[in-house]
């Protein structure tokens, strides 16, 4: 196994160097792409067509009038994507290419915004000048995290560790992104990799890596709390790996020992200067100022896994998912259970095993005094205070499929009779789940009724501007108001709104649509009878990763 890995690592640079650096060409044309449903006018757009396959467009700077576009071609056999591809900066006025350079995808990651481009791979990190595309500096640093908010951080500081090929980093370091110079170093042992990195303030960062570690970005000072966040590989867990790959966690590359079961921890909650957090074996409360332990409570033996915690005025509530990560795949691990702990002492006030069978929690939500748990083949309703099972609803998996992990999309359907859109989640008592047969299950909590809706018939909300929503289905999109009525129809995929401009891109090109004339009239109504559509209300079941300030709507 190791010989194959080493051979692959040796061959990749050869493949990178051997890529044909074909120049990217851009052609521009003006075309009508839709209709203003209020005035009846046609909507013009500027179309940019590329001769290479678009991977993503991370920057659309309307102020400077420039875009940064990344490309990644398909291999000649049509089965894979190339390990490297060009990245360009282009003028949005006429499509002129300002610069072009290659970037790697296999072992690297690139942070890009209007002011910063930083690329990191197995051996080095480099900062790229957005104006010219040339390297500003290159260092043997493995970059792991950049602050999400740059507003208060001077100088701009990245967090990573010194990288030597074939050796593990044992010291975290902060470095100045202006010139790559090292500002500080601090010992940090992370055998199972960095699992999460959260900004506590504009200068304080919390890292989860074989425990919790607090860093001052300017000085490196802080504290460490060691804890178990991984487990040795075993064959049973490997065979239970699900068939999808994870990608990046929290904007950085998750690395570590390939033979370890990882991600055995929860999100962290910061409340009144106290950090609450769960690892594989325990849940703890730490003083956030100096890291000293306030209390520690053991989790049930051999049950700890990836988990989520939430807080109330007096308690910390834990959902143990029964899942972990092995070789970038989710695997069944531990056992799902619910628990509650006193915030002041850590005393267990509730502990309930979800199921004696081997299973894991795919999704969860909170409704009044209950916690709703979606397993692959059923929905279980547990009392939020006692943890006791109240009822279960079985899913016909042979017909509709097995429930997948939480889906962050917001779906709506177009009612041709009413002439308006309605959201699939029609109210606060509806919960929408997705299955592996591309169905949506809309489950009404009160009536215990399930409606099955094919995903390919649903429009997806992509963005919003004031009271207007941008929704899309395939290669079509619409702007709708808060009653679900159309304001505009566009023959373009819905991608994003940036100010009053809509940008839409596919693998072939980019379209820029000026919606300012329409958006300036956004409070005008079509000449049809209006009443508020009950189906447009969004359910309270929030999506997103658990964060430092968590609520019952936070997700893993």
Protein backbone atom coordinates (compact mmCIF):
# COMPACT_ATOMS: atom_id res chain seq x y z
CA UNK A 1 0.00 0.00 0.00
CA UNK A 2 2.73 2.48 0.98
CA UNK A 3 4.74 1.71 -2.19
CA UNK A 4 1.72 2.55 -4.31
CA UNK A 5 1.23 5.84 -2.48
CA UNK A 6 4.89 6.81 -2.89
CA UNK A 7 4.78 5.94 -6.59
CA UNK A 8 1.67 8.08 -7.03
CA UNK A 9 3.32 11.01 -5.26
CA UNK A 10 6.34 10.69 -7.53
CA UNK A 11 4.26 10.53 -10.67
CA UNK A 12 1.97 13.46 -9.90
CA UNK A 13 4.66 16.16 -10.37
CA UNK A 14 5.52 14.62 -13.73
CA UNK A 15 1.87 14.83 -14.72
CA UNK A 16 1.67 18.42 -13.53
CA UNK A 17 4.72 19.46 -15.50
CA UNK A 18 3.46 17.65 -18.58
CA UNK A 19 0.14 19.50 -18.79
CA UNK A 20 -0.30 21.42 -22.01
CA UNK A 21 -0.62 25.10 -21.13
CA UNK A 22 -3.23 25.98 -23.74
CA UNK A 23 -4.12 29.68 -23.53
CA UNK A 24 -7.66 30.41 -22.36
CA UNK A 25 -9.65 32.38 -24.91
CA UNK A 26 -12.77 34.40 -24.14
CA UNK A 27 -15.41 35.51 -26.62
CA UNK A 28 -18.16 38.02 -25.73
CA UNK A 29 -21.61 38.51 -27.16
CA UNK A 30 -24.81 40.35 -26.20
CA UNK A 31 -28.07 38.42 -26.13
CA UNK A 32 -31.58 38.63 -24.71
CA UNK A 33 -31.91 35.92 -22.07
CA UNK A 34 -35.29 36.47 -20.43
CA UNK A 35 -38.38 38.54 -19.78
CA UNK A 36 -39.37 41.14 -17.20
CA UNK A 37 -42.75 39.84 -16.01
CA UNK A 38 -43.85 43.30 -14.78
CA UNK A 39 -43.07 45.44 -17.81
CA UNK A 40 -42.88 42.71 -20.45
CA UNK A 41 -39.47 43.95 -21.61
CA UNK A 42 -36.72 41.59 -22.75
CA UNK A 43 -33.73 41.24 -20.44
CA UNK A 44 -30.29 41.61 -22.08
CA UNK A 45 -27.09 39.89 -20.91
CA UNK A 46 -23.42 39.75 -21.75
CA UNK A 47 -22.21 36.19 -22.43
CA UNK A 48 -18.56 35.17 -22.02
CA UNK A 49 -17.64 31.86 -23.65
CA UNK A 50 -14.45 29.95 -22.79
CA UNK A 51 -12.49 27.30 -24.69
CA UNK A 52 -11.78 25.37 -21.45
CA UNK A 53 -14.05 23.69 -18.89
CA UNK A 54 -14.96 26.02 -16.00
CA UNK A 55 -14.33 24.53 -12.55
CA UNK A 56 -15.44 27.55 -10.51
CA UNK A 57 -15.50 31.34 -10.48
CA UNK A 58 -14.41 32.36 -6.96
CA UNK A 59 -14.23 36.13 -7.55
CA UNK A 60 -16.64 38.46 -9.34
CA UNK A 61 -15.45 41.93 -8.37
CA UNK A 62 -18.06 44.37 -9.67
CA UNK A 63 -16.17 47.37 -8.26
CA UNK A 64 -12.92 46.60 -10.10
CA UNK A 65 -14.83 45.00 -12.98
CA UNK A 66 -12.79 41.79 -12.90
CA UNK A 67 -13.35 38.05 -12.43
CA UNK A 68 -11.04 35.21 -11.44
CA UNK A 69 -11.93 31.94 -13.18
CA UNK A 70 -10.54 28.46 -12.53
CA UNK A 71 -10.59 25.76 -15.22
CA UNK A 72 -10.20 21.99 -15.02
CA UNK A 73 -10.46 19.84 -18.13
CA UNK A 74 -11.66 16.26 -18.40
CA UNK A 75 -9.01 13.66 -19.24
CA UNK A 76 -8.89 12.20 -22.76
CA UNK A 77 -10.62 8.97 -21.69
CA UNK A 78 -13.52 11.04 -20.31
CA UNK A 79 -13.39 9.41 -16.87
CA UNK A 80 -11.44 11.83 -14.68
CA UNK A 81 -10.58 15.46 -14.14
CA UNK A 82 -7.09 16.75 -14.81
CA UNK A 83 -4.89 17.28 -11.70
CA UNK A 84 -4.02 20.84 -12.77
CA UNK A 85 -5.74 23.56 -14.72
CA UNK A 86 -5.39 27.21 -15.63
CA UNK A 87 -6.61 30.13 -13.54
CA UNK A 88 -7.18 33.51 -15.18
CA UNK A 89 -8.08 37.06 -14.28
CA UNK A 90 -10.33 38.73 -16.85
CA UNK A 91 -11.99 42.08 -17.45
CA UNK A 92 -15.78 41.96 -17.17
CA UNK A 93 -16.11 44.86 -19.61
CA UNK A 94 -14.72 43.07 -22.67
CA UNK A 95 -13.50 39.62 -21.53
CA UNK A 96 -9.81 40.49 -21.92
CA UNK A 97 -7.53 38.00 -20.13
CA UNK A 98 -5.19 39.90 -17.81
CA UNK A 99 -3.09 36.92 -16.74
CA UNK A 100 -3.06 33.12 -16.72
CA UNK A 101 -1.27 30.53 -14.58
CA UNK A 102 -1.71 26.87 -13.59
CA UNK A 103 -2.91 25.65 -10.18
CA UNK A 104 -3.09 22.13 -8.75
CA UNK A 105 -6.18 20.36 -7.42
CA UNK A 106 -5.14 16.91 -6.15
CA UNK A 107 -3.15 17.69 -2.99
CA UNK A 108 -3.83 21.38 -2.62
CA UNK A 109 -6.32 24.07 -1.78
CA UNK A 110 -6.60 27.69 -2.82
CA UNK A 111 -8.02 30.59 -0.81
CA UNK A 112 -9.25 33.33 -3.15
CA UNK A 113 -11.02 36.65 -2.68
CA UNK A 114 -10.79 40.14 -4.18
CA UNK A 115 -7.56 40.98 -2.32
CA UNK A 116 -5.93 37.64 -1.60
CA UNK A 117 -4.91 34.47 -3.45
CA UNK A 118 -3.04 31.85 -1.40
CA UNK A 119 -2.35 28.36 -2.75
CA UNK A 120 -1.12 25.51 -0.56
CA UNK A 121 -0.10 21.92 -1.39
CA UNK A 122 1.79 19.07 0.25
CA UNK A 123 5.08 20.94 0.39
CA UNK A 124 4.61 24.69 0.03
CA UNK A 125 2.30 27.67 0.26
CA UNK A 126 2.52 30.66 -2.01
CA UNK A 127 0.76 33.99 -2.26
CA UNK A 128 -0.26 35.14 -5.74
CA UNK A 129 -0.66 38.76 -6.77
CA UNK A 130 -4.30 39.24 -7.96
CA UNK A 131 -3.16 42.07 -10.24
CA UNK A 132 -0.44 40.20 -12.15
CA UNK A 133 -0.82 36.48 -11.31
CA UNK A 134 2.83 36.26 -10.23
CA UNK A 135 4.12 34.82 -6.94
CA UNK A 136 4.62 37.36 -4.18
CA UNK A 137 6.34 34.72 -2.04
CA UNK A 138 6.68 30.96 -1.62
CA UNK A 139 7.49 29.19 1.66
CA UNK A 140 7.70 25.64 3.00
CA UNK A 141 4.55 26.17 5.04
CA UNK A 142 1.42 24.01 5.15
CA UNK A 143 -1.39 26.57 5.45
CA UNK A 144 -4.42 25.38 7.40
CA UNK A 145 -6.57 28.40 8.11
CA UNK A 146 -7.16 32.03 7.30
CA UNK A 147 -9.39 34.34 9.32
CA UNK A 148 -12.90 34.62 7.90
CA UNK A 149 -13.09 38.32 8.77
CA UNK A 150 -10.14 40.54 7.86
CA UNK A 151 -11.70 43.79 9.08
CA UNK A 152 -9.71 44.02 12.33
CA UNK A 153 -6.61 41.97 11.57
CA UNK A 154 -3.37 43.85 10.82
CA UNK A 155 -1.06 42.42 9.69
CA UNK A 156 -2.91 39.67 7.84
CA UNK A 157 -1.89 36.40 9.49
CA UNK A 158 -2.25 32.80 8.33
CA UNK A 159 -2.11 29.73 10.56
CA UNK A 160 -0.23 26.56 9.58
CA UNK A 161 2.93 24.59 10.30
CA UNK A 162 6.39 24.15 8.83
CA UNK A 163 6.20 21.44 6.15
CA UNK A 164 8.95 18.91 5.37
CA UNK A 165 8.15 16.17 2.84
CA UNK A 166 7.91 12.82 4.61
CA UNK A 167 7.81 14.30 8.12
CA UNK A 168 4.88 15.43 10.24
CA UNK A 169 4.58 18.99 11.45
CA UNK A 170 4.89 19.31 15.22
CA UNK A 171 4.83 23.08 15.53
CA UNK A 172 2.03 25.41 14.62
CA UNK A 173 3.14 28.75 13.30
CA UNK A 174 1.67 32.10 12.42
CA UNK A 175 3.03 33.85 9.36
CA UNK A 176 2.59 37.25 7.82
CA UNK A 177 0.68 36.92 4.56
CA UNK A 178 2.35 40.07 3.25
CA UNK A 179 5.75 38.39 2.84
CA UNK A 180 5.41 34.83 4.23
CA UNK A 181 7.67 35.56 7.18
CA UNK A 182 7.18 33.52 10.35
CA UNK A 183 5.88 35.57 13.29
CA UNK A 184 5.79 32.85 15.95
CA UNK A 185 5.97 29.08 16.52
CA UNK A 186 4.30 26.93 19.15
CA UNK A 187 4.41 23.15 19.82
CA UNK A 188 1.28 21.37 18.66
CA UNK A 189 0.86 17.60 18.37
CA UNK A 190 -1.90 16.62 15.94
CA UNK A 191 -1.57 12.98 14.91
CA UNK A 192 -5.11 12.86 13.49
CA UNK A 193 -4.97 16.21 11.69
CA UNK A 194 -6.78 19.51 12.19
CA UNK A 195 -10.52 18.94 12.32
CA UNK A 196 -11.85 22.47 12.79
CA UNK A 197 -10.63 26.02 13.10
CA UNK A 198 -12.96 28.78 14.35
CA UNK A 199 -12.36 32.49 14.80
CA UNK A 200 -13.33 33.51 18.34
CA UNK A 201 -12.54 37.17 17.60
CA UNK A 202 -10.53 39.09 15.01
CA UNK A 203 -7.29 37.94 16.66
CA UNK A 204 -8.16 34.70 18.54
CA UNK A 205 -8.58 31.33 16.83
CA UNK A 206 -9.70 27.98 18.28
CA UNK A 207 -8.20 24.84 16.70
CA UNK A 208 -9.47 21.29 17.18
CA UNK A 209 -6.51 18.95 16.74
CA UNK A 210 -6.15 16.08 19.23
CA UNK A 211 -7.88 18.42 21.66
CA UNK A 212 -8.63 22.13 21.86
CA UNK A 213 -6.00 24.80 21.31
CA UNK A 214 -6.49 28.55 21.61
CA UNK A 215 -4.11 30.85 19.67
CA UNK A 216 -3.55 34.56 19.58
CA UNK A 217 -2.83 35.11 15.89
CA UNK A 218 -0.38 37.92 16.60
CA UNK A 219 1.71 36.26 19.32
CA UNK A 220 0.92 32.53 19.23
CA UNK A 221 0.14 32.61 22.95
CA UNK A 222 -2.78 30.63 24.32
CA UNK A 223 -3.51 27.29 25.92
CA UNK A 224 -3.91 23.58 25.09
CA UNK A 225 -6.33 20.90 26.24
CA UNK A 226 -5.47 17.41 24.98
CA UNK A 227 -8.23 14.91 24.22
CA UNK A 228 -8.89 11.85 22.04
CA UNK A 229 -10.45 12.73 18.67
CA UNK A 230 -9.55 9.62 16.67
CA UNK A 231 -9.34 5.85 16.91
CA UNK A 232 -7.24 3.13 15.23
CA UNK A 233 -8.51 1.72 11.96
CA UNK A 234 -10.37 -1.57 12.06
CA UNK A 235 -11.62 -3.64 9.13
CA UNK A 236 -15.28 -3.60 10.19
CA UNK A 237 -15.42 0.20 10.13
CA UNK A 238 -13.69 0.34 6.75
CA UNK A 239 -16.22 -2.04 5.19
CA UNK A 240 -19.08 0.12 6.42
CA UNK A 241 -17.78 3.22 4.63
CA UNK A 242 -20.52 4.98 2.73
CA UNK A 243 -20.14 5.70 -0.93
CA UNK A 244 -19.48 9.43 -0.95
CA UNK A 245 -16.39 11.54 -0.40
CA UNK A 246 -16.35 14.47 1.99
CA UNK A 247 -14.17 17.20 0.50
CA UNK A 248 -13.05 20.06 2.70
CA UNK A 249 -14.10 20.78 6.27
CA UNK A 250 -14.55 24.41 7.29
CA UNK A 251 -12.50 25.71 4.37
CA UNK A 252 -9.28 23.80 4.89
CA UNK A 253 -7.85 20.41 4.02
CA UNK A 254 -8.51 17.71 6.59
CA UNK A 255 -5.40 15.57 6.86
CA UNK A 256 -3.87 13.11 9.29
CA UNK A 257 -3.05 9.44 9.53
CA UNK A 258 -4.71 7.53 6.71
CA UNK A 259 -5.22 4.54 9.02
CA UNK A 260 -7.19 6.47 11.65
CA UNK A 261 -10.92 6.85 12.28
CA UNK A 262 -11.32 10.62 12.71
CA UNK A 263 -13.78 13.44 13.43
CA UNK A 264 -14.74 11.97 16.83
CA UNK A 265 -15.76 15.27 18.40
CA UNK A 266 -18.46 17.93 18.53
CA UNK A 267 -18.69 21.59 17.67
CA UNK A 268 -17.52 24.03 20.36
CA UNK A 269 -19.82 26.49 22.14
CA UNK A 270 -18.52 29.66 23.75
CA UNK A 271 -20.93 31.01 26.38
CA UNK A 272 -20.10 33.53 29.13
CA UNK A 273 -16.33 32.89 28.78
CA UNK A 274 -16.85 29.11 29.08
CA UNK A 275 -16.07 26.67 26.24
CA UNK A 276 -18.19 23.51 26.02
CA UNK A 277 -16.95 20.68 23.81
CA UNK A 278 -17.16 16.89 23.45
CA UNK A 279 -14.45 14.49 22.28
CA UNK A 280 -14.59 10.73 21.74
CA UNK A 281 -14.50 9.97 25.45
CA UNK A 282 -15.77 13.02 27.35
CA UNK A 283 -17.61 16.30 27.38
CA UNK A 284 -15.86 19.21 29.09
CA UNK A 285 -16.28 22.82 30.18
CA UNK A 286 -13.13 24.96 29.99
CA UNK A 287 -12.37 28.52 31.06
CA UNK A 288 -11.77 30.21 27.71
CA UNK A 289 -9.26 32.70 29.15
CA UNK A 290 -6.65 30.19 30.36
CA UNK A 291 -8.05 26.75 29.38
CA UNK A 292 -8.30 25.35 32.90
CA UNK A 293 -10.83 22.54 33.35
CA UNK A 294 -14.10 23.50 35.06
CA UNK A 295 -15.70 20.07 34.81
CA UNK A 296 -15.39 16.82 32.82
CA UNK A 297 -17.96 14.04 32.33
CA UNK A 298 -17.25 10.72 30.65
CA UNK A 299 -19.38 9.64 27.71
CA UNK A 300 -20.84 6.10 27.63
CA UNK A 301 -18.14 3.48 27.03
CA UNK A 302 -17.30 2.92 23.31
CA UNK A 303 -20.23 5.09 22.23
CA UNK A 304 -18.60 8.45 21.43
CA UNK A 305 -18.54 9.56 17.79
CA UNK A 306 -19.07 12.71 15.75
CA UNK A 307 -21.57 14.77 17.72
CA UNK A 308 -23.34 18.11 18.04
CA UNK A 309 -23.95 20.09 21.20
CA UNK A 310 -26.40 22.91 21.96
CA UNK A 311 -27.07 25.06 25.00
CA UNK A 312 -30.09 26.21 26.97
CA UNK A 313 -30.07 28.49 30.00
CA UNK A 314 -29.15 25.63 32.32
CA UNK A 315 -28.06 22.65 30.20
CA UNK A 316 -25.80 21.41 27.43
CA UNK A 317 -27.68 19.05 25.09
CA UNK A 318 -25.68 16.48 23.07
CA UNK A 319 -26.66 14.46 20.00
CA UNK A 320 -24.13 11.68 19.39
CA UNK A 321 -24.50 10.78 15.70
CA UNK A 322 -22.95 7.29 15.60
CA UNK A 323 -20.71 8.27 12.68
CA UNK A 324 -17.05 9.11 12.02
CA UNK A 325 -14.70 9.74 9.10
CA UNK A 326 -12.32 7.20 7.58
CA UNK A 327 -10.24 8.01 4.49
CA UNK A 328 -12.55 10.93 3.62
CA UNK A 329 -15.68 8.78 3.88
CA UNK A 330 -18.38 8.62 6.51
CA UNK A 331 -18.47 5.36 8.44
CA UNK A 332 -20.64 3.96 11.20
CA UNK A 333 -18.89 4.33 14.54
CA UNK A 334 -19.87 4.28 18.21
CA UNK A 335 -23.58 4.34 19.03
CA UNK A 336 -26.15 7.13 18.67
CA UNK A 337 -27.48 8.56 21.91
CA UNK A 338 -28.96 11.72 23.43
CA UNK A 339 -27.69 13.32 26.63
CA UNK A 340 -28.07 16.48 28.69
CA UNK A 341 -25.63 17.93 31.23
CA UNK A 342 -25.89 20.67 33.82
CA UNK A 343 -23.91 23.68 32.57
CA UNK A 344 -22.56 24.48 36.01
CA UNK A 345 -21.40 21.01 37.10
CA UNK A 346 -21.53 18.60 34.13
CA UNK A 347 -23.93 16.31 36.00
CA UNK A 348 -25.85 14.01 33.66
CA UNK A 349 -29.54 14.92 33.73
CA UNK A 350 -30.63 12.78 30.78
CA UNK A 351 -29.08 9.87 28.84
CA UNK A 352 -30.96 7.88 26.22
CA UNK A 353 -29.62 5.38 23.67
CA UNK A 354 -31.40 6.06 20.39
CA UNK A 355 -31.44 2.47 19.09
CA UNK A 356 -29.90 -0.81 20.16
CA UNK A 357 -29.31 -1.71 16.53
CA UNK A 358 -26.29 -0.43 14.59
CA UNK A 359 -27.36 2.83 12.94
CA UNK A 360 -26.49 6.50 12.76
CA UNK A 361 -28.35 9.77 12.80
CA UNK A 362 -28.56 11.29 9.32
CA UNK A 363 -30.28 14.53 10.28
CA UNK A 364 -32.01 16.14 13.24
CA UNK A 365 -34.31 19.04 14.10
CA UNK A 366 -36.10 20.52 17.09
CA UNK A 367 -39.86 21.00 17.35
CA UNK A 368 -41.45 22.41 20.48
CA UNK A 369 -40.55 19.97 23.29
CA UNK A 370 -39.18 17.24 21.02
CA UNK A 371 -36.01 16.40 19.12
CA UNK A 372 -36.59 14.80 15.71
CA UNK A 373 -34.03 12.26 14.50
CA UNK A 374 -33.83 11.03 10.92
CA UNK A 375 -32.25 7.60 10.58
CA UNK A 376 -31.83 5.96 7.19
CA UNK A 377 -35.14 4.10 7.29
CA UNK A 378 -37.27 6.01 9.81
CA UNK A 379 -37.94 9.22 11.69
CA UNK A 380 -37.87 9.03 15.49
CA UNK A 381 -39.42 11.61 17.83
CA UNK A 382 -37.81 11.82 21.28
CA UNK A 383 -38.80 13.90 24.28
CA UNK A 384 -36.31 16.75 24.61
CA UNK A 385 -36.24 16.57 28.40
CA UNK A 386 -36.35 12.84 29.15
CA UNK A 387 -34.92 11.48 25.88
CA UNK A 388 -37.66 8.84 25.73
CA UNK A 389 -38.89 7.65 22.35
CA UNK A 390 -42.38 9.02 21.71
CA UNK A 391 -43.10 7.61 18.25
CA UNK A 392 -41.47 6.43 15.02
CA UNK A 393 -42.44 6.78 11.38
CA UNK A 394 -41.08 4.10 9.06
CA UNK A 395 -39.85 4.97 5.55
CA UNK A 396 -40.50 2.61 2.62
CA UNK A 397 -36.88 2.61 1.48
CA UNK A 398 -37.57 0.25 -1.42
CA UNK A 399 -39.89 2.84 -2.96
CA UNK A 400 -38.57 6.27 -1.93
CA UNK A 401 -34.99 5.43 -0.91
CA UNK A 402 -32.93 5.82 2.25
CA UNK A 403 -32.63 9.15 4.01
CA UNK A 404 -29.37 10.99 3.32
CA UNK A 405 -27.41 13.38 5.50
CA UNK A 406 -28.86 16.86 5.93
CA UNK A 407 -29.57 18.78 2.76
CA UNK A 408 -28.90 22.53 2.91
CA UNK A 409 -31.05 23.46 -0.08
CA UNK A 410 -34.40 25.25 0.04
CA UNK A 411 -36.79 23.76 -2.48
CA UNK A 412 -39.95 25.17 -4.03
CA UNK A 413 -42.51 24.06 -6.62
CA UNK A 414 -44.30 26.07 -9.27
CA UNK A 415 -48.10 25.79 -9.12
CA UNK A 416 -49.32 26.42 -12.67
CA UNK A 417 -52.93 26.75 -11.50
CA UNK A 418 -52.19 29.44 -8.91
CA UNK A 419 -49.43 30.87 -11.08
CA UNK A 420 -46.90 31.12 -8.27
CA UNK A 421 -44.16 29.25 -6.39
CA UNK A 422 -44.62 27.59 -3.02
CA UNK A 423 -41.88 26.23 -0.80
CA UNK A 424 -41.85 22.49 -0.21
CA UNK A 425 -41.59 23.12 3.53
CA UNK A 426 -44.98 24.75 3.84
CA UNK A 427 -44.78 25.78 7.48
CA UNK A 428 -43.15 25.40 10.86
CA UNK A 429 -44.55 21.89 11.30
CA UNK A 430 -42.96 20.49 8.12
CA UNK A 431 -39.55 18.83 7.89
CA UNK A 432 -37.98 18.10 4.48
CA UNK A 433 -35.51 15.26 4.00
CA UNK A 434 -33.74 13.95 0.91
CA UNK A 435 -33.22 10.30 -0.06
CA UNK A 436 -30.68 8.41 -2.13
CA UNK A 437 -33.32 7.91 -4.86
CA UNK A 438 -33.51 11.68 -5.41
CA UNK A 439 -36.79 12.17 -3.62
CA UNK A 440 -37.79 14.77 -1.06
CA UNK A 441 -39.85 13.60 1.89
CA UNK A 442 -42.00 16.35 3.38
CA UNK A 443 -43.02 15.07 6.77
CA UNK A 444 -45.68 16.90 8.77
CA UNK A 445 -44.79 16.56 12.45
CA UNK A 446 -48.32 17.02 13.78
CA UNK A 447 -50.23 14.88 11.30
CA UNK A 448 -47.40 12.32 10.86
CA UNK A 449 -47.94 12.45 7.09
CA UNK A 450 -45.26 12.09 4.41
CA UNK A 451 -45.46 13.56 0.91
CA UNK A 452 -42.91 12.36 -1.65
CA UNK A 453 -41.66 14.90 -4.21
CA UNK A 454 -39.11 14.14 -6.97
CA UNK A 455 -36.09 16.41 -6.65
CA UNK A 456 -35.91 17.00 -10.41
CA UNK A 457 -39.28 18.80 -10.26
CA UNK A 458 -38.13 21.28 -7.62
CA UNK A 459 -36.72 24.76 -8.00
CA UNK A 460 -33.90 25.66 -5.61
CA UNK A 461 -33.42 29.03 -3.93
CA UNK A 462 -29.97 30.37 -4.84
CA UNK A 463 -29.95 33.95 -3.56
CA UNK A 464 -32.13 36.91 -2.59
CA UNK A 465 -32.32 40.69 -3.03
CA UNK A 466 -34.49 42.47 -0.50
CA UNK A 467 -37.97 40.94 -0.94
CA UNK A 468 -37.05 39.04 -4.14
CA UNK A 469 -35.70 35.48 -4.29
CA UNK A 470 -33.60 33.95 -7.07
CA UNK A 471 -34.68 30.34 -7.76
CA UNK A 472 -33.45 27.92 -10.39
CA UNK A 473 -34.28 24.61 -12.03
CA UNK A 474 -31.77 23.17 -14.50
CA UNK A 475 -30.90 25.82 -17.06
CA UNK A 476 -33.76 28.17 -16.07
CA UNK A 477 -34.17 30.68 -13.27
CA UNK A 478 -36.76 33.10 -11.93
CA UNK A 479 -36.91 36.10 -9.64
CA UNK A 480 -39.96 35.79 -7.40
CA UNK A 481 -41.47 38.00 -4.70
CA UNK A 482 -42.37 37.02 -1.15
CA UNK A 483 -45.79 35.84 -2.35
CA UNK A 484 -44.19 33.46 -4.86
CA UNK A 485 -45.12 35.47 -7.97
CA UNK A 486 -42.68 35.86 -10.85
CA UNK A 487 -40.85 39.13 -11.44
CA UNK A 488 -38.53 37.80 -14.12
CA UNK A 489 -37.93 34.66 -16.17
CA UNK A 490 -34.42 33.86 -17.37
CA UNK A 491 -33.10 31.14 -19.68
CA UNK A 492 -29.97 30.77 -17.57
CA UNK A 493 -29.02 28.64 -14.57
CA UNK A 494 -29.41 30.48 -11.27
CA UNK A 495 -26.01 31.06 -9.69
CA UNK A 496 -25.75 34.22 -7.61
CA UNK A 497 -26.72 37.87 -7.25
CA UNK A 498 -23.98 40.41 -6.64
CA UNK A 499 -25.60 43.73 -5.90
CA UNK A 500 -28.06 44.33 -8.72
CA UNK A 501 -26.22 42.04 -11.17
CA UNK A 502 -26.94 38.35 -11.66
CA UNK A 503 -24.05 36.10 -12.64
CA UNK A 504 -24.68 32.68 -14.08
CA UNK A 505 -22.06 30.19 -15.09
CA UNK A 506 -21.80 26.65 -16.38
CA UNK A 507 -18.85 24.57 -17.56
CA UNK A 508 -18.91 26.46 -20.86
CA UNK A 509 -19.13 30.11 -19.85
CA UNK A 510 -20.34 33.03 -17.77
CA UNK A 511 -23.34 35.34 -18.20
CA UNK A 512 -23.71 38.81 -16.66
CA UNK A 513 -27.26 40.16 -16.35
CA UNK A 514 -27.94 43.73 -15.21
CA UNK A 515 -31.16 43.54 -13.15
CA UNK A 516 -31.05 47.10 -11.80
CA UNK A 517 -34.03 48.38 -13.83
CA UNK A 518 -36.13 45.49 -12.57
CA UNK A 519 -34.88 45.60 -8.98
CA UNK A 520 -35.54 49.34 -8.77
CA UNK A 521 -39.22 48.46 -9.28
CA UNK A 522 -39.19 45.56 -6.84
CA UNK A 523 -42.22 46.78 -4.85
CA UNK A 524 -44.44 46.97 -7.92
CA UNK A 525 -46.84 44.03 -8.15
CA UNK A 526 -48.06 42.14 -11.22
CA UNK A 527 -51.65 42.96 -12.09
CA UNK A 528 -53.12 39.79 -10.58
CA UNK A 529 -55.01 39.20 -7.31
CA UNK A 530 -52.58 38.93 -4.39
CA UNK A 531 -52.79 37.02 -1.15
CA UNK A 532 -49.99 35.68 0.98
CA UNK A 533 -49.09 32.14 0.00
CA UNK A 534 -48.99 29.90 3.06
CA UNK A 535 -46.53 27.67 1.27
CA UNK A 536 -43.82 30.31 1.13
CA UNK A 537 -43.07 30.23 4.86
CA UNK A 538 -39.71 28.63 5.59
CA UNK A 539 -39.51 26.03 8.31
CA UNK A 540 -37.35 26.70 11.34
CA UNK A 541 -35.13 23.71 10.81
CA UNK A 542 -31.88 25.54 10.14
CA UNK A 543 -28.92 24.22 8.27
CA UNK A 544 -25.18 24.81 8.65
CA UNK A 545 -22.28 23.58 10.70
CA UNK A 546 -22.21 23.73 14.46
CA UNK A 547 -20.37 26.90 15.44
CA UNK A 548 -18.97 28.63 18.50
CA UNK A 549 -22.35 30.19 19.25
CA UNK A 550 -24.66 27.24 18.61
CA UNK A 551 -28.42 26.97 18.75
CA UNK A 552 -30.79 24.04 18.14
CA UNK A 553 -30.79 24.99 14.45
CA UNK A 554 -27.05 24.41 13.96
CA UNK A 555 -25.89 21.38 11.97
CA UNK A 556 -22.66 19.44 11.73
